[in-house]
Amino acid sequence: MSIVAARPHPFVLSALIRRYHSFTVLVIVGLIAVGVSGLVTGGLGRIYGKDAIAGDTLSAHLSAARCADLREYAPAATTCSQAELFHHADEVVMYRVAMLPLGLLLAAAYWFARRRWLRAATEDPAVRTLRLGLGVGAFGLASVALLGTAAGHASTAGLARNLSDGLIALAVTLAFIIAASRSAAGPAS
C-alpha cells in the first residue's frame, strides 16, 4: 500500500486564492515600506554620517584578514573600525532599498493578476476587516517598538535607522487606520 500526500482539490485552492488574495497587499506594503525606509535612512546617513545608520562603535577589534577585507570594501576609511562602520551602514541601506523594486514588481504582478484572473473576485467584508486589522496591528507594533528604541538611544549612533523605520511604520499604520475607518463607514471600494 502506498501513501500519497493529499493534495487540495483545484477548486478548493482556487476558492482560497479568490477569498484571501488581498493579503498580498500586506506583503506589498511591507516591502515598499522597507524600501522607502532604506531611502530615508540613506538620506539621513548622508546628512548625519554613517554612524547614525550603523550604530557600530569605532573600537572594534578586528583580525588582520577581516581588516583587509573591509579596507578593500571601503578604501576611503582611515581605520579598520571605520571601514567596518562604512560597510555596515551601506549594508543597512542597500538591503532595504533592494526591497523597493521587489515590492513594486509584486504590486504590478498583483495588479495584473487582479485584472486578468481575479476580475470577478470581490473581497469579503470579514476578510477586509481582518486584513486591515492585521495591517494596523503589525505596523503599529513595529512603529511603537522602533520609535521606542529610537527614543531610548543615548547617542546618535544608529538613531537614523530606528527613527526612519519607526516613522515609516507609523505612516503606514495611519494609512491602514484610515482605510479601516472608511471600510467601517461604508461599502468596500
Protein backbone atom coordinates (compact mmCIF):
# COMPACT_ATOMS: atom_id res chain seq x y z
CA MET A 1 0.00 0.00 0.00
CA SER A 2 1.43 3.37 -0.96
CA ILE A 3 0.84 6.53 0.95
CA VAL A 4 0.15 9.54 -1.20
CA ALA A 5 0.13 13.03 0.20
CA ALA A 6 -3.28 14.61 -0.06
CA ARG A 7 -3.38 17.50 -2.48
CA PRO A 8 -6.04 20.12 -2.19
CA HIS A 9 -8.64 19.95 -4.88
CA PRO A 10 -8.03 22.65 -7.52
CA PHE A 11 -11.42 24.11 -6.72
CA VAL A 12 -10.51 24.44 -3.02
CA LEU A 13 -7.18 26.10 -3.88
CA SER A 14 -8.92 28.43 -6.32
CA ALA A 15 -11.52 29.34 -3.70
CA LEU A 16 -8.80 30.12 -1.13
CA ILE A 17 -6.92 32.31 -3.59
CA ARG A 18 -10.08 34.14 -4.58
CA ARG A 19 -11.01 34.72 -0.95
CA TYR A 20 -7.65 35.69 0.53
CA HIS A 21 -5.68 37.19 -2.39
CA SER A 22 -5.93 40.64 -0.86
CA PHE A 23 -3.46 39.62 1.88
CA THR A 24 -0.83 40.08 -0.82
CA VAL A 25 -1.36 43.79 -0.22
CA LEU A 26 0.18 43.42 3.27
CA VAL A 27 3.33 41.94 1.75
CA ILE A 28 3.46 44.61 -0.95
CA VAL A 29 3.03 47.44 1.56
CA GLY A 30 5.67 45.89 3.82
CA LEU A 31 8.24 45.58 1.04
CA ILE A 32 7.64 49.10 -0.20
CA ALA A 33 7.79 50.49 3.36
CA VAL A 34 11.13 48.77 3.98
CA GLY A 35 12.45 50.14 0.68
CA VAL A 36 11.32 53.67 1.46
CA SER A 37 12.86 53.44 4.93
CA GLY A 38 16.14 52.48 3.26
CA LEU A 39 15.99 55.61 1.11
CA VAL A 40 15.18 57.79 4.13
CA THR A 41 17.91 56.12 6.21
CA GLY A 42 20.41 56.65 3.41
CA GLY A 43 19.47 60.32 3.21
CA LEU A 44 19.85 60.74 6.96
CA GLY A 45 23.20 58.98 6.76
CA ARG A 46 24.39 61.49 4.16
CA ILE A 47 23.35 64.33 6.44
CA TYR A 48 24.44 63.00 9.84
CA GLY A 49 27.11 60.44 8.90
CA LYS A 50 27.29 56.68 8.61
CA ASP A 51 27.45 56.14 12.37
CA ALA A 52 23.87 57.47 12.56
CA ILE A 53 22.89 54.46 10.42
CA ALA A 54 25.07 51.62 11.61
CA GLY A 55 25.39 52.34 15.29
CA ASP A 56 28.71 50.49 15.45
CA THR A 57 31.31 51.61 17.90
CA LEU A 58 34.67 52.59 16.49
CA SER A 59 36.51 50.41 18.98
CA ALA A 60 36.01 47.03 17.36
CA HIS A 61 38.98 44.64 17.44
CA LEU A 62 39.29 43.01 14.03
CA SER A 63 41.61 40.34 12.68
CA ALA A 64 44.13 41.37 10.06
CA ALA A 65 42.30 39.35 7.40
CA ARG A 66 38.93 40.91 8.23
CA CYS A 67 40.50 44.35 8.31
CA ALA A 68 41.97 43.79 4.84
CA ASP A 69 38.54 42.70 3.53
CA LEU A 70 36.85 45.76 4.96
CA ARG A 71 39.56 48.11 3.74
CA GLU A 72 39.05 46.72 0.23
CA TYR A 73 35.35 47.44 0.50
CA ALA A 74 35.78 50.92 1.97
CA PRO A 75 39.08 52.37 0.71
CA ALA A 76 38.19 55.86 1.98
CA ALA A 77 38.21 54.61 5.58
CA THR A 78 41.26 55.54 7.61
CA THR A 79 40.96 52.72 10.18
CA CYS A 80 39.64 49.18 10.25
CA SER A 81 36.86 50.22 12.62
CA GLN A 82 35.82 52.99 10.28
CA ALA A 83 35.85 50.56 7.33
CA GLU A 84 33.58 48.25 9.32
CA LEU A 85 31.25 51.15 10.07
CA PHE A 86 31.07 52.14 6.39
CA HIS A 87 30.44 48.53 5.36
CA HIS A 88 27.66 48.02 7.90
CA ALA A 89 25.96 51.33 7.09
CA ASP A 90 25.98 50.57 3.37
CA GLU A 91 24.54 47.10 4.01
CA VAL A 92 21.71 48.53 6.11
CA VAL A 93 20.75 50.95 3.35
CA MET A 94 21.30 48.70 0.30
CA TYR A 95 19.42 45.68 1.64
CA ARG A 96 16.43 47.82 2.48
CA VAL A 97 16.43 49.78 -0.76
CA ALA A 98 16.52 46.44 -2.63
CA MET A 99 13.05 45.70 -1.22
CA LEU A 100 11.54 48.69 -3.03
CA PRO A 101 11.75 47.33 -6.60
CA LEU A 102 10.70 43.91 -5.30
CA GLY A 103 7.60 45.46 -3.73
CA LEU A 104 6.84 47.44 -6.87
CA LEU A 105 7.22 44.33 -9.06
CA LEU A 106 4.91 42.38 -6.76
CA ALA A 107 2.42 45.27 -6.86
CA ALA A 108 2.49 45.24 -10.67
CA ALA A 109 2.06 41.45 -10.75
CA TYR A 110 -0.83 41.66 -8.28
CA TRP A 111 -2.47 44.43 -10.31
CA PHE A 112 -2.11 42.33 -13.45
CA ALA A 113 -3.49 39.21 -11.72
CA ARG A 114 -6.46 41.18 -10.40
CA ARG A 115 -7.26 42.41 -13.90
CA ARG A 116 -6.64 39.09 -15.61
CA TRP A 117 -7.78 36.30 -13.29
CA LEU A 118 -9.40 37.84 -10.25
CA ARG A 119 -11.65 40.34 -12.00
CA ALA A 120 -14.86 38.97 -10.53
CA ALA A 121 -13.36 38.28 -7.10
CA THR A 122 -14.74 40.67 -4.52
CA GLU A 123 -13.27 40.91 -1.08
CA ASP A 124 -15.42 39.52 1.70
CA PRO A 125 -16.01 42.29 4.29
CA ALA A 126 -14.79 39.98 7.08
CA VAL A 127 -11.56 39.30 5.16
CA ARG A 128 -11.11 43.02 4.51
CA THR A 129 -11.57 43.79 8.20
CA LEU A 130 -9.07 41.08 9.12
CA ARG A 131 -6.51 42.34 6.56
CA LEU A 132 -6.83 45.95 7.69
CA GLY A 133 -6.67 44.91 11.34
CA LEU A 134 -3.52 42.91 10.71
CA GLY A 135 -2.02 45.91 8.92
CA VAL A 136 -2.82 48.24 11.81
CA GLY A 137 -1.54 45.72 14.36
CA ALA A 138 1.69 44.72 12.61
CA PHE A 139 2.78 48.18 11.52
CA GLY A 140 1.51 49.76 14.74
CA LEU A 141 3.56 47.40 16.90
CA ALA A 142 6.58 47.95 14.66
CA SER A 143 6.25 51.73 14.93
CA VAL A 144 5.96 51.62 18.73
CA ALA A 145 8.96 49.30 19.05
CA LEU A 146 11.15 51.24 16.61
CA LEU A 147 10.26 54.69 17.86
CA GLY A 148 10.68 53.48 21.44
CA THR A 149 14.12 52.18 20.57
CA ALA A 150 14.98 55.48 18.87
CA ALA A 151 13.78 57.42 21.92
CA GLY A 152 15.97 55.29 24.16
CA HIS A 153 19.18 55.99 22.24
CA ALA A 154 21.84 57.55 24.43
CA SER A 155 23.74 58.75 21.35
CA THR A 156 23.09 59.34 17.67
CA ALA A 157 24.80 56.03 16.75
CA GLY A 158 22.16 54.01 14.89
CA LEU A 159 19.46 56.58 15.57
CA ALA A 160 18.68 57.30 11.90
CA ARG A 161 17.89 53.65 11.22
CA ASN A 162 15.36 53.24 14.03
CA LEU A 163 13.88 56.70 13.67
CA SER A 164 13.25 56.43 9.92
CA ASP A 165 11.89 52.89 10.22
CA GLY A 166 9.58 53.91 13.06
CA LEU A 167 8.25 56.95 11.25
CA ILE A 168 7.61 54.98 8.05
CA ALA A 169 5.84 52.26 10.07
CA LEU A 170 3.76 54.94 11.80
CA ALA A 171 2.75 56.45 8.45
CA VAL A 172 1.70 53.02 7.16
CA THR A 173 -0.23 52.37 10.39
CA LEU A 174 -2.13 55.63 9.91
CA ALA A 175 -2.91 54.68 6.29
CA PHE A 176 -4.33 51.33 7.48
CA ILE A 177 -6.35 53.09 10.20
CA ILE A 178 -7.83 55.47 7.63
CA ALA A 179 -8.64 52.56 5.29
CA ALA A 180 -10.23 50.64 8.16
CA SER A 181 -12.37 53.60 9.22
CA ARG A 182 -13.51 54.15 5.65
CA SER A 183 -14.28 50.45 5.32
CA ALA A 184 -16.35 50.53 8.51
CA ALA A 185 -18.22 53.62 7.34
CA GLY A 186 -19.42 52.19 4.06
CA PRO A 187 -19.13 49.56 1.35
CA ALA A 188 -15.68 48.45 0.15
CA SER A 189 -14.39 50.44 -2.77
